[in-house]
């Protein structure tokens, strides 16, 4: 009997990679990581029923791990953005001149 591939393993791997890349773009990757984790959960349940029937479980595990790492990086990115807004204020973050003045004040301390 020929082994078949898990239906979403490649998609989970791609979404896991995109979730890590997406953390650099205002935490857009959080969507990719959540979708990847949901898809991975479905395929893992399918694999648990009959492990001998599938051969690309390694891709699924790798994609799931990347999605978890991407989720953590995206959460850190969101927390950092909130901390910057709380510390500097929204007006300072939107004006580069005010931001430079604020940074000079902090260096002078």
PDB file of N, CA and C in Angstrom:
ATOM      1  N   UNK A   1       0.833  -1.190   0.000  1.00  0.00           N
ATOM      2  CA  UNK A   1       0.000   0.000   0.000  1.00  0.00           C
ATOM      3  C   UNK A   1       0.875   1.251   0.000  1.00  0.00           C
ATOM      4  N   UNK A   2       0.554   2.157  -0.873  1.00  0.00           N
ATOM      5  CA  UNK A   2       1.329   3.391  -0.994  1.00  0.00           C
ATOM      6  C   UNK A   2       0.873   4.399   0.056  1.00  0.00           C
ATOM      7  N   UNK A   3       1.850   5.031   0.689  1.00  0.00           N
ATOM      8  CA  UNK A   3       1.510   6.038   1.699  1.00  0.00           C
ATOM      9  C   UNK A   3       1.058   7.317   1.009  1.00  0.00           C
ATOM     10  N   UNK A   4       0.085   7.951   1.593  1.00  0.00           N
ATOM     11  CA  UNK A   4      -0.396   9.220   1.053  1.00  0.00           C
ATOM     12  C   UNK A   4       0.114  10.377   1.903  1.00  0.00           C
ATOM     13  N   UNK A   5      -0.025  11.547   1.384  1.00  0.00           N
ATOM     14  CA  UNK A   5       0.452  12.738   2.084  1.00  0.00           C
ATOM     15  C   UNK A   5      -0.690  13.347   2.896  1.00  0.00           C
ATOM     16  N   UNK A   6      -0.338  13.932   4.030  1.00  0.00           N
ATOM     17  CA  UNK A   6      -1.334  14.664   4.823  1.00  0.00           C
ATOM     18  C   UNK A   6      -1.813  15.862   4.006  1.00  0.00           C
ATOM     19  N   UNK A   7      -3.101  16.130   4.005  1.00  0.00           N
ATOM     20  CA  UNK A   7      -3.639  17.145   3.091  1.00  0.00           C
ATOM     21  C   UNK A   7      -3.145  18.572   3.324  1.00  0.00           C
ATOM     22  N   UNK A   8      -2.847  18.934   4.555  1.00  0.00           N
ATOM     23  CA  UNK A   8      -2.498  20.333   4.848  1.00  0.00           C
ATOM     24  C   UNK A   8      -1.063  20.527   5.316  1.00  0.00           C
ATOM     25  N   UNK A   9      -0.233  19.496   5.227  1.00  0.00           N
ATOM     26  CA  UNK A   9       1.122  19.595   5.783  1.00  0.00           C
ATOM     27  C   UNK A   9       1.947  20.678   5.084  1.00  0.00           C
ATOM     28  N   UNK A  10       1.884  20.742   3.774  1.00  0.00           N
ATOM     29  CA  UNK A  10       2.649  21.755   3.054  1.00  0.00           C
ATOM     30  C   UNK A  10       2.115  23.155   3.333  1.00  0.00           C
ATOM     31  N   UNK A  11       0.799  23.281   3.407  1.00  0.00           N
ATOM     32  CA  UNK A  11       0.196  24.590   3.706  1.00  0.00           C
ATOM     33  C   UNK A  11       0.580  25.053   5.107  1.00  0.00           C
ATOM     34  N   UNK A  12       0.614  24.132   6.060  1.00  0.00           N
ATOM     35  CA  UNK A  12       1.017  24.482   7.427  1.00  0.00           C
ATOM     36  C   UNK A  12       2.470  24.944   7.442  1.00  0.00           C
ATOM     37  N   UNK A  13       3.309  24.269   6.679  1.00  0.00           N
ATOM     38  CA  UNK A  13       4.717  24.659   6.612  1.00  0.00           C
ATOM     39  C   UNK A  13       4.876  26.063   6.021  1.00  0.00           C
ATOM     40  N   UNK A  14       4.178  26.328   4.934  1.00  0.00           N
ATOM     41  CA  UNK A  14       4.253  27.656   4.300  1.00  0.00           C
ATOM     42  C   UNK A  14       3.693  28.732   5.234  1.00  0.00           C
ATOM     43  N   UNK A  15       2.567  28.464   5.865  1.00  0.00           N
ATOM     44  CA  UNK A  15       1.980  29.447   6.786  1.00  0.00           C
ATOM     45  C   UNK A  15       2.867  29.672   8.010  1.00  0.00           C
ATOM     46  N   UNK A  16       3.547  28.626   8.462  1.00  0.00           N
ATOM     47  CA  UNK A  16       4.482  28.782   9.574  1.00  0.00           C
ATOM     48  C   UNK A  16       5.628  29.710   9.213  1.00  0.00           C
ATOM     49  N   UNK A  17       6.142  29.557   8.013  1.00  0.00           N
ATOM     50  CA  UNK A  17       7.214  30.448   7.541  1.00  0.00           C
ATOM     51  C   UNK A  17       6.693  31.874   7.402  1.00  0.00           C
ATOM     52  N   UNK A  18       5.510  32.025   6.826  1.00  0.00           N
ATOM     53  CA  UNK A  18       4.931  33.369   6.662  1.00  0.00           C
ATOM     54  C   UNK A  18       4.625  34.032   8.007  1.00  0.00           C
ATOM     55  N   UNK A  19       4.300  33.235   9.021  1.00  0.00           N
ATOM     56  CA  UNK A  19       4.015  33.833  10.331  1.00  0.00           C
ATOM     57  C   UNK A  19       5.261  34.447  10.950  1.00  0.00           C
ATOM     58  N   UNK A  20       6.408  33.830  10.703  1.00  0.00           N
ATOM     59  CA  UNK A  20       7.656  34.398  11.215  1.00  0.00           C
ATOM     60  C   UNK A  20       8.021  35.662  10.440  1.00  0.00           C
ATOM     61  N   UNK A  21       7.870  35.615   9.128  1.00  0.00           N
ATOM     62  CA  UNK A  21       8.153  36.797   8.313  1.00  0.00           C
ATOM     63  C   UNK A  21       7.172  37.918   8.639  1.00  0.00           C
ATOM     64  N   UNK A  22       5.913  37.561   8.882  1.00  0.00           N
ATOM     65  CA  UNK A  22       4.863  38.553   9.130  1.00  0.00           C
ATOM     66  C   UNK A  22       5.010  39.320  10.427  1.00  0.00           C
ATOM     67  N   UNK A  23       5.818  38.838  11.355  1.00  0.00           N
ATOM     68  CA  UNK A  23       5.961  39.576  12.615  1.00  0.00           C
ATOM     69  C   UNK A  23       6.698  40.896  12.407  1.00  0.00           C
ATOM     70  N   UNK A  24       7.383  41.024  11.292  1.00  0.00           N
ATOM     71  CA  UNK A  24       8.089  42.271  10.982  1.00  0.00           C
ATOM     72  C   UNK A  24       7.159  43.324  10.388  1.00  0.00           C
ATOM     73  N   UNK A  25       5.949  42.946  10.040  1.00  0.00           N
ATOM     74  CA  UNK A  25       5.004  43.845   9.392  1.00  0.00           C
ATOM     75  C   UNK A  25       3.795  44.091  10.286  1.00  0.00           C
ATOM     76  N   UNK A  26       4.030  44.733  11.420  1.00  0.00           N
ATOM     77  CA  UNK A  26       2.972  45.105  12.355  1.00  0.00           C
ATOM     78  C   UNK A  26       2.136  43.909  12.774  1.00  0.00           C
ATOM     79  N   UNK A  27       2.777  42.807  13.036  1.00  0.00           N
ATOM     80  CA  UNK A  27       2.160  41.604  13.585  1.00  0.00           C
ATOM     81  C   UNK A  27       1.077  41.021  12.683  1.00  0.00           C
ATOM     82  N   UNK A  28       1.245  41.141  11.378  1.00  0.00           N
ATOM     83  CA  UNK A  28       0.312  40.522  10.435  1.00  0.00           C
ATOM     84  C   UNK A  28       0.424  38.999  10.518  1.00  0.00           C
ATOM     85  N   UNK A  29       1.567  38.515  10.890  1.00  0.00           N
ATOM     86  CA  UNK A  29       1.814  37.080  10.941  1.00  0.00           C
ATOM     87  C   UNK A  29       0.997  36.333  11.960  1.00  0.00           C
ATOM     88  N   UNK A  30       0.352  37.037  12.874  1.00  0.00           N
ATOM     89  CA  UNK A  30      -0.461  36.346  13.879  1.00  0.00           C
ATOM     90  C   UNK A  30      -1.616  35.605  13.212  1.00  0.00           C
ATOM     91  N   UNK A  31      -2.138  36.150  12.140  1.00  0.00           N
ATOM     92  CA  UNK A  31      -3.214  35.482  11.398  1.00  0.00           C
ATOM     93  C   UNK A  31      -2.681  34.198  10.766  1.00  0.00           C
ATOM     94  N   UNK A  32      -1.504  34.279  10.152  1.00  0.00           N
ATOM     95  CA  UNK A  32      -0.906  33.104   9.532  1.00  0.00           C
ATOM     96  C   UNK A  32      -0.635  32.008  10.564  1.00  0.00           C
ATOM     97  N   UNK A  33      -0.126  32.400  11.721  1.00  0.00           N
ATOM     98  CA  UNK A  33       0.205  31.396  12.728  1.00  0.00           C
ATOM     99  C   UNK A  33      -1.044  30.725  13.295  1.00  0.00           C
ATOM    100  N   UNK A  34      -2.096  31.479  13.513  1.00  0.00           N
ATOM    101  CA  UNK A  34      -3.322  30.878  14.042  1.00  0.00           C
ATOM    102  C   UNK A  34      -3.936  29.922  13.026  1.00  0.00           C
ATOM    103  N   UNK A  35      -3.975  30.331  11.764  1.00  0.00           N
ATOM    104  CA  UNK A  35      -4.515  29.451  10.716  1.00  0.00           C
ATOM    105  C   UNK A  35      -3.662  28.186  10.602  1.00  0.00           C
ATOM    106  N   UNK A  36      -2.352  28.332  10.662  1.00  0.00           N
ATOM    107  CA  UNK A  36      -1.460  27.178  10.568  1.00  0.00           C
ATOM    108  C   UNK A  36      -1.671  26.219  11.735  1.00  0.00           C
ATOM    109  N   UNK A  37      -1.858  26.756  12.936  1.00  0.00           N
ATOM    110  CA  UNK A  37      -2.060  25.897  14.096  1.00  0.00           C
ATOM    111  C   UNK A  37      -3.395  25.146  14.027  1.00  0.00           C
ATOM    112  N   UNK A  38      -4.419  25.791  13.518  1.00  0.00           N
ATOM    113  CA  UNK A  38      -5.716  25.120  13.372  1.00  0.00           C
ATOM    114  C   UNK A  38      -5.618  23.999  12.333  1.00  0.00           C
ATOM    115  N   UNK A  39      -4.973  24.305  11.214  1.00  0.00           N
ATOM    116  CA  UNK A  39      -4.813  23.285  10.176  1.00  0.00           C
ATOM    117  C   UNK A  39      -3.936  22.133  10.661  1.00  0.00           C
ATOM    118  N   UNK A  40      -2.900  22.450  11.432  1.00  0.00           N
ATOM    119  CA  UNK A  40      -2.014  21.410  11.961  1.00  0.00           C
ATOM    120  C   UNK A  40      -2.759  20.506  12.934  1.00  0.00           C
ATOM    121  N   UNK A  41      -3.628  21.089  13.732  1.00  0.00           N
ATOM    122  CA  UNK A  41      -4.393  20.284  14.690  1.00  0.00           C
ATOM    123  C   UNK A  41      -5.279  19.272  13.958  1.00  0.00           C
ATOM    124  N   UNK A  42      -5.899  19.701  12.873  1.00  0.00           N
ATOM    125  CA  UNK A  42      -6.749  18.793  12.089  1.00  0.00           C
ATOM    126  C   UNK A  42      -5.925  17.661  11.483  1.00  0.00           C
ATOM    127  N   UNK A  43      -4.775  17.989  10.913  1.00  0.00           N
ATOM    128  CA  UNK A  43      -3.949  16.949  10.309  1.00  0.00           C
ATOM    129  C   UNK A  43      -3.327  16.032  11.353  1.00  0.00           C
ATOM    130  N   UNK A  44      -2.992  16.561  12.510  1.00  0.00           N
ATOM    131  CA  UNK A  44      -2.437  15.714  13.568  1.00  0.00           C
ATOM    132  C   UNK A  44      -3.484  14.708  14.057  1.00  0.00           C
ATOM    133  N   UNK A  45      -4.740  15.146  14.122  1.00  0.00           N
ATOM    134  CA  UNK A  45      -5.807  14.218  14.503  1.00  0.00           C
ATOM    135  C   UNK A  45      -5.975  13.133  13.436  1.00  0.00           C
ATOM    136  N   UNK A  46      -5.859  13.511  12.178  1.00  0.00           N
ATOM    137  CA  UNK A  46      -5.948  12.558  11.077  1.00  0.00           C
ATOM    138  C   UNK A  46      -4.786  11.571  11.132  1.00  0.00           C
ATOM    139  N   UNK A  47      -3.605  12.063  11.431  1.00  0.00           N
ATOM    140  CA  UNK A  47      -2.419  11.212  11.529  1.00  0.00           C
ATOM    141  C   UNK A  47      -2.522  10.264  12.727  1.00  0.00           C
ATOM    142  N   UNK A  48      -3.094  10.734  13.814  1.00  0.00           N
ATOM    143  CA  UNK A  48      -3.211   9.901  15.019  1.00  0.00           C
ATOM    144  C   UNK A  48      -4.117   8.694  14.788  1.00  0.00           C
ATOM    145  N   UNK A  49      -5.079   8.819  13.909  1.00  0.00           N
ATOM    146  CA  UNK A  49      -5.992   7.708  13.628  1.00  0.00           C
ATOM    147  C   UNK A  49      -5.262   6.573  12.919  1.00  0.00           C
ATOM    148  N   UNK A  50      -4.415   6.903  11.929  1.00  0.00           N
ATOM    149  CA  UNK A  50      -3.700   5.883  11.163  1.00  0.00           C
ATOM    150  C   UNK A  50      -2.316   6.397  10.777  1.00  0.00           C
ATOM    151  N   UNK A  51      -1.332   6.293  11.665  1.00  0.00           N
ATOM    152  CA  UNK A  51      -0.009   6.859  11.383  1.00  0.00           C
ATOM    153  C   UNK A  51       0.734   6.164  10.236  1.00  0.00           C
ATOM    154  N   UNK A  52       0.430   4.918   9.975  1.00  0.00           N
ATOM    155  CA  UNK A  52       1.140   4.198   8.924  1.00  0.00           C
ATOM    156  C   UNK A  52       0.709   4.604   7.516  1.00  0.00           C
ATOM    157  N   UNK A  53      -0.378   5.338   7.399  1.00  0.00           N
ATOM    158  CA  UNK A  53      -0.906   5.688   6.082  1.00  0.00           C
ATOM    159  C   UNK A  53      -0.301   6.977   5.515  1.00  0.00           C
ATOM    160  N   UNK A  54       0.438   7.735   6.328  1.00  0.00           N
ATOM    161  CA  UNK A  54       0.933   9.040   5.879  1.00  0.00           C
ATOM    162  C   UNK A  54       2.444   9.111   5.998  1.00  0.00           C
ATOM    163  N   UNK A  55       3.054   9.867   5.095  1.00  0.00           N
ATOM    164  CA  UNK A  55       4.513   9.928   5.110  1.00  0.00           C
ATOM    165  C   UNK A  55       5.109  11.326   5.261  1.00  0.00           C
ATOM    166  N   UNK A  56       4.324  12.384   5.297  1.00  0.00           N
ATOM    167  CA  UNK A  56       4.916  13.716   5.425  1.00  0.00           C
ATOM    168  C   UNK A  56       4.579  14.366   6.773  1.00  0.00           C
ATOM    169  N   UNK A  57       4.611  13.565   7.813  1.00  0.00           N
ATOM    170  CA  UNK A  57       4.346  14.084   9.152  1.00  0.00           C
ATOM    171  C   UNK A  57       5.454  15.043   9.611  1.00  0.00           C
ATOM    172  N   UNK A  58       6.660  14.862   9.119  1.00  0.00           N
ATOM    173  CA  UNK A  58       7.774  15.757   9.468  1.00  0.00           C
ATOM    174  C   UNK A  58       7.513  17.187   9.030  1.00  0.00           C
ATOM    175  N   UNK A  59       6.950  17.353   7.835  1.00  0.00           N
ATOM    176  CA  UNK A  59       6.602  18.699   7.366  1.00  0.00           C
ATOM    177  C   UNK A  59       5.554  19.333   8.269  1.00  0.00           C
ATOM    178  N   UNK A  60       4.603  18.524   8.704  1.00  0.00           N
ATOM    179  CA  UNK A  60       3.547  19.033   9.583  1.00  0.00           C
ATOM    180  C   UNK A  60       4.123  19.480  10.923  1.00  0.00           C
ATOM    181  N   UNK A  61       5.006  18.663  11.493  1.00  0.00           N
ATOM    182  CA  UNK A  61       5.613  19.030  12.778  1.00  0.00           C
ATOM    183  C   UNK A  61       6.468  20.287  12.649  1.00  0.00           C
ATOM    184  N   UNK A  62       7.225  20.381  11.562  1.00  0.00           N
ATOM    185  CA  UNK A  62       8.069  21.560  11.338  1.00  0.00           C
ATOM    186  C   UNK A  62       7.217  22.813  11.160  1.00  0.00           C
ATOM    187  N   UNK A  63       6.165  22.719  10.357  1.00  0.00           N
ATOM    188  CA  UNK A  63       5.267  23.856  10.153  1.00  0.00           C
ATOM    189  C   UNK A  63       4.591  24.285  11.436  1.00  0.00           C
ATOM    190  N   UNK A  64       4.191  23.320  12.247  1.00  0.00           N
ATOM    191  CA  UNK A  64       3.550  23.638  13.539  1.00  0.00           C
ATOM    192  C   UNK A  64       4.537  24.350  14.460  1.00  0.00           C
ATOM    193  N   UNK A  65       5.769  23.865  14.505  1.00  0.00           N
ATOM    194  CA  UNK A  65       6.793  24.511  15.328  1.00  0.00           C
ATOM    195  C   UNK A  65       7.057  25.941  14.856  1.00  0.00           C
ATOM    196  N   UNK A  66       7.155  26.129  13.545  1.00  0.00           N
ATOM    197  CA  UNK A  66       7.355  27.477  13.003  1.00  0.00           C
ATOM    198  C   UNK A  66       6.169  28.383  13.316  1.00  0.00           C
ATOM    199  N   UNK A  67       4.959  27.831  13.278  1.00  0.00           N
ATOM    200  CA  UNK A  67       3.771  28.624  13.604  1.00  0.00           C
ATOM    201  C   UNK A  67       3.779  29.043  15.072  1.00  0.00           C
ATOM    202  N   UNK A  68       4.217  28.158  15.949  1.00  0.00           N
ATOM    203  CA  UNK A  68       4.301  28.501  17.375  1.00  0.00           C
ATOM    204  C   UNK A  68       5.355  29.593  17.592  1.00  0.00           C
ATOM    205  N   UNK A  69       6.498  29.454  16.949  1.00  0.00           N
ATOM    206  CA  UNK A  69       7.542  30.479  17.052  1.00  0.00           C
ATOM    207  C   UNK A  69       7.037  31.803  16.483  1.00  0.00           C
ATOM    208  N   UNK A  70       6.357  31.745  15.342  1.00  0.00           N
ATOM    209  CA  UNK A  70       5.788  32.956  14.752  1.00  0.00           C
ATOM    210  C   UNK A  70       4.765  33.612  15.650  1.00  0.00           C
ATOM    211  N   UNK A  71       3.935  32.807  16.310  1.00  0.00           N
ATOM    212  CA  UNK A  71       2.938  33.353  17.234  1.00  0.00           C
ATOM    213  C   UNK A  71       3.610  34.069  18.394  1.00  0.00           C
ATOM    214  N   UNK A  72       4.649  33.463  18.940  1.00  0.00           N
ATOM    215  CA  UNK A  72       5.373  34.085  20.052  1.00  0.00           C
ATOM    216  C   UNK A  72       6.025  35.395  19.603  1.00  0.00           C
ATOM    217  N   UNK A  73       6.662  35.381  18.433  1.00  0.00           N
ATOM    218  CA  UNK A  73       7.296  36.606  17.919  1.00  0.00           C
ATOM    219  C   UNK A  73       6.267  37.705  17.658  1.00  0.00           C
ATOM    220  N   UNK A  74       5.104  37.325  17.153  1.00  0.00           N
ATOM    221  CA  UNK A  74       4.053  38.314  16.899  1.00  0.00           C
ATOM    222  C   UNK A  74       3.512  38.896  18.194  1.00  0.00           C
ATOM    223  N   UNK A  75       3.360  38.076  19.212  1.00  0.00           N
ATOM    224  CA  UNK A  75       2.905  38.583  20.510  1.00  0.00           C
ATOM    225  C   UNK A  75       3.934  39.545  21.092  1.00  0.00           C
ATOM    226  N   UNK A  76       5.211  39.185  20.983  1.00  0.00           N
ATOM    227  CA  UNK A  76       6.272  40.092  21.455  1.00  0.00           C
ATOM    228  C   UNK A  76       6.243  41.399  20.677  1.00  0.00           C
ATOM    229  N   UNK A  77       6.005  41.331  19.380  1.00  0.00           N
ATOM    230  CA  UNK A  77       5.919  42.528  18.542  1.00  0.00           C
ATOM    231  C   UNK A  77       4.762  43.427  18.973  1.00  0.00           C
ATOM    232  N   UNK A  78       3.626  42.830  19.260  1.00  0.00           N
ATOM    233  CA  UNK A  78       2.464  43.609  19.716  1.00  0.00           C
ATOM    234  C   UNK A  78       2.736  44.254  21.065  1.00  0.00           C
ATOM    235  N   UNK A  79       3.325  43.507  21.984  1.00  0.00           N
ATOM    236  CA  UNK A  79       3.637  44.047  23.313  1.00  0.00           C
ATOM    237  C   UNK A  79       4.641  45.195  23.201  1.00  0.00           C
ATOM    238  N   UNK A  80       5.632  45.042  22.322  1.00  0.00           N
ATOM    239  CA  UNK A  80       6.615  46.113  22.113  1.00  0.00           C
ATOM    240  C   UNK A  80       5.962  47.374  21.556  1.00  0.00           C
ATOM    241  N   UNK A  81       5.065  47.199  20.597  1.00  0.00           N
ATOM    242  CA  UNK A  81       4.371  48.357  20.018  1.00  0.00           C
ATOM    243  C   UNK A  81       3.525  49.063  21.072  1.00  0.00           C
ATOM    244  N   UNK A  82       2.839  48.299  21.897  1.00  0.00           N
ATOM    245  CA  UNK A  82       2.027  48.894  22.967  1.00  0.00           C
ATOM    246  C   UNK A  82       2.922  49.627  23.966  1.00  0.00           C
ATOM    247  N   UNK A  83       4.070  49.039  24.286  1.00  0.00           N
ATOM    248  CA  UNK A  83       4.989  49.684  25.229  1.00  0.00           C
ATOM    249  C   UNK A  83       5.528  51.004  24.656  1.00  0.00           C
ATOM    250  N   UNK A  84       5.868  51.021  23.375  1.00  0.00           N
ATOM    251  CA  UNK A  84       6.346  52.253  22.747  1.00  0.00           C
ATOM    252  C   UNK A  84       5.267  53.328  22.752  1.00  0.00           C
ATOM    253  N   UNK A  85       4.041  52.938  22.446  1.00  0.00           N
ATOM    254  CA  UNK A  85       2.950  53.912  22.447  1.00  0.00           C
ATOM    255  C   UNK A  85       2.712  54.438  23.861  1.00  0.00           C
ATOM    256  N   UNK A  86       2.782  53.559  24.845  1.00  0.00           N
ATOM    257  CA  UNK A  86       2.566  53.987  26.233  1.00  0.00           C
ATOM    258  C   UNK A  86       3.701  54.888  26.722  1.00  0.00           C
ATOM    259  N   UNK A  87       4.930  54.591  26.313  1.00  0.00           N
ATOM    260  CA  UNK A  87       6.075  55.356  26.801  1.00  0.00           C
ATOM    261  C   UNK A  87       6.230  56.682  26.075  1.00  0.00           C
ATOM    262  N   UNK A  88       6.173  56.675  24.755  1.00  0.00           N
ATOM    263  CA  UNK A  88       6.417  57.885  23.979  1.00  0.00           C
ATOM    264  C   UNK A  88       5.146  58.656  23.654  1.00  0.00           C
ATOM    265  N   UNK A  89       4.052  57.976  23.503  1.00  0.00           N
ATOM    266  CA  UNK A  89       2.819  58.635  23.079  1.00  0.00           C
ATOM    267  C   UNK A  89       2.638  58.517  21.579  1.00  0.00           C
ATOM    268  N   UNK A  90       1.393  58.536  21.157  1.00  0.00           N
ATOM    269  CA  UNK A  90       1.075  58.342  19.750  1.00  0.00           C
ATOM    270  C   UNK A  90       1.564  59.504  18.886  1.00  0.00           C
ATOM    271  N   UNK A  91       1.464  60.724  19.382  1.00  0.00           N
ATOM    272  CA  UNK A  91       1.879  61.901  18.601  1.00  0.00           C
ATOM    273  C   UNK A  91       3.384  61.887  18.350  1.00  0.00           C
ATOM    274  N   UNK A  92       4.158  61.473  19.324  1.00  0.00           N
ATOM    275  CA  UNK A  92       5.615  61.426  19.167  1.00  0.00           C
ATOM    276  C   UNK A  92       6.003  60.363  18.144  1.00  0.00           C
ATOM    277  N   UNK A  93       5.321  59.242  18.153  1.00  0.00           N
ATOM    278  CA  UNK A  93       5.654  58.177  17.208  1.00  0.00           C
ATOM    279  C   UNK A  93       5.323  58.547  15.767  1.00  0.00           C
ATOM    280  N   UNK A  94       4.379  59.434  15.565  1.00  0.00           N
ATOM    281  CA  UNK A  94       4.004  59.823  14.208  1.00  0.00           C
ATOM    282  C   UNK A  94       4.854  60.970  13.659  1.00  0.00           C
ATOM    283  N   UNK A  95       5.535  61.692  14.513  1.00  0.00           N
ATOM    284  CA  UNK A  95       6.342  62.833  14.073  1.00  0.00           C
ATOM    285  C   UNK A  95       7.828  62.515  14.296  1.00  0.00           C
ATOM    286  N   UNK A  96       8.607  62.363  13.234  1.00  0.00           N
ATOM    287  CA  UNK A  96      10.021  62.011  13.385  1.00  0.00           C
ATOM    288  C   UNK A  96      10.835  63.071  14.136  1.00  0.00           C
ATOM    289  N   UNK A  97      10.472  64.329  13.981  1.00  0.00           N
ATOM    290  CA  UNK A  97      11.218  65.391  14.661  1.00  0.00           C
ATOM    291  C   UNK A  97      11.000  65.295  16.172  1.00  0.00           C
ATOM    292  N   UNK A  98       9.768  65.121  16.575  1.00  0.00           N
ATOM    293  CA  UNK A  98       9.487  64.954  18.006  1.00  0.00           C
ATOM    294  C   UNK A  98      10.151  63.700  18.558  1.00  0.00           C
ATOM    295  N   UNK A  99      10.205  62.668  17.763  1.00  0.00           N
ATOM    296  CA  UNK A  99      10.837  61.426  18.206  1.00  0.00           C
ATOM    297  C   UNK A  99      12.329  61.638  18.431  1.00  0.00           C
ATOM    298  N   UNK A 100      12.985  62.380  17.538  1.00  0.00           N
ATOM    299  CA  UNK A 100      14.412  62.660  17.712  1.00  0.00           C
ATOM    300  C   UNK A 100      14.647  63.493  18.961  1.00  0.00           C
ATOM    301  N   UNK A 101      13.779  64.474  19.218  1.00  0.00           N
ATOM    302  CA  UNK A 101      13.925  65.290  20.429  1.00  0.00           C
ATOM    303  C   UNK A 101      13.760  64.431  21.681  1.00  0.00           C
ATOM    304  N   UNK A 102      12.788  63.554  21.666  1.00  0.00           N
ATOM    305  CA  UNK A 102      12.548  62.663  22.815  1.00  0.00           C
ATOM    306  C   UNK A 102      13.739  61.745  23.043  1.00  0.00           C
ATOM    307  N   UNK A 103      14.332  61.243  21.966  1.00  0.00           N
ATOM    308  CA  UNK A 103      15.494  60.368  22.082  1.00  0.00           C
ATOM    309  C   UNK A 103      16.714  61.136  22.627  1.00  0.00           C
ATOM    310  N   UNK A 104      16.857  62.396  22.204  1.00  0.00           N
ATOM    311  CA  UNK A 104      17.967  63.215  22.734  1.00  0.00           C
ATOM    312  C   UNK A 104      17.774  63.480  24.221  1.00  0.00           C
ATOM    313  N   UNK A 105      16.532  63.703  24.637  1.00  0.00           N
ATOM    314  CA  UNK A 105      16.244  63.887  26.056  1.00  0.00           C
ATOM    315  C   UNK A 105      16.607  62.649  26.850  1.00  0.00           C
ATOM    316  N   UNK A 106      16.310  61.495  26.316  1.00  0.00           N
ATOM    317  CA  UNK A 106      16.624  60.243  27.012  1.00  0.00           C
ATOM    318  C   UNK A 106      18.112  59.994  27.073  1.00  0.00           C
ATOM    319  N   UNK A 107      18.858  60.411  26.054  1.00  0.00           N
ATOM    320  CA  UNK A 107      20.311  60.228  26.061  1.00  0.00           C
ATOM    321  C   UNK A 107      20.984  61.173  27.034  1.00  0.00           C
ATOM    322  N   UNK A 108      20.370  62.312  27.263  1.00  0.00           N
ATOM    323  CA  UNK A 108      20.932  63.311  28.171  1.00  0.00           C
ATOM    324  C   UNK A 108      20.748  62.953  29.641  1.00  0.00           C
ATOM    325  N   UNK A 109      19.913  61.992  29.922  1.00  0.00           N
ATOM    326  CA  UNK A 109      19.649  61.603  31.316  1.00  0.00           C
ATOM    327  C   UNK A 109      20.813  60.960  31.969  1.00  0.00           C
TER     328      UNK A 109
END
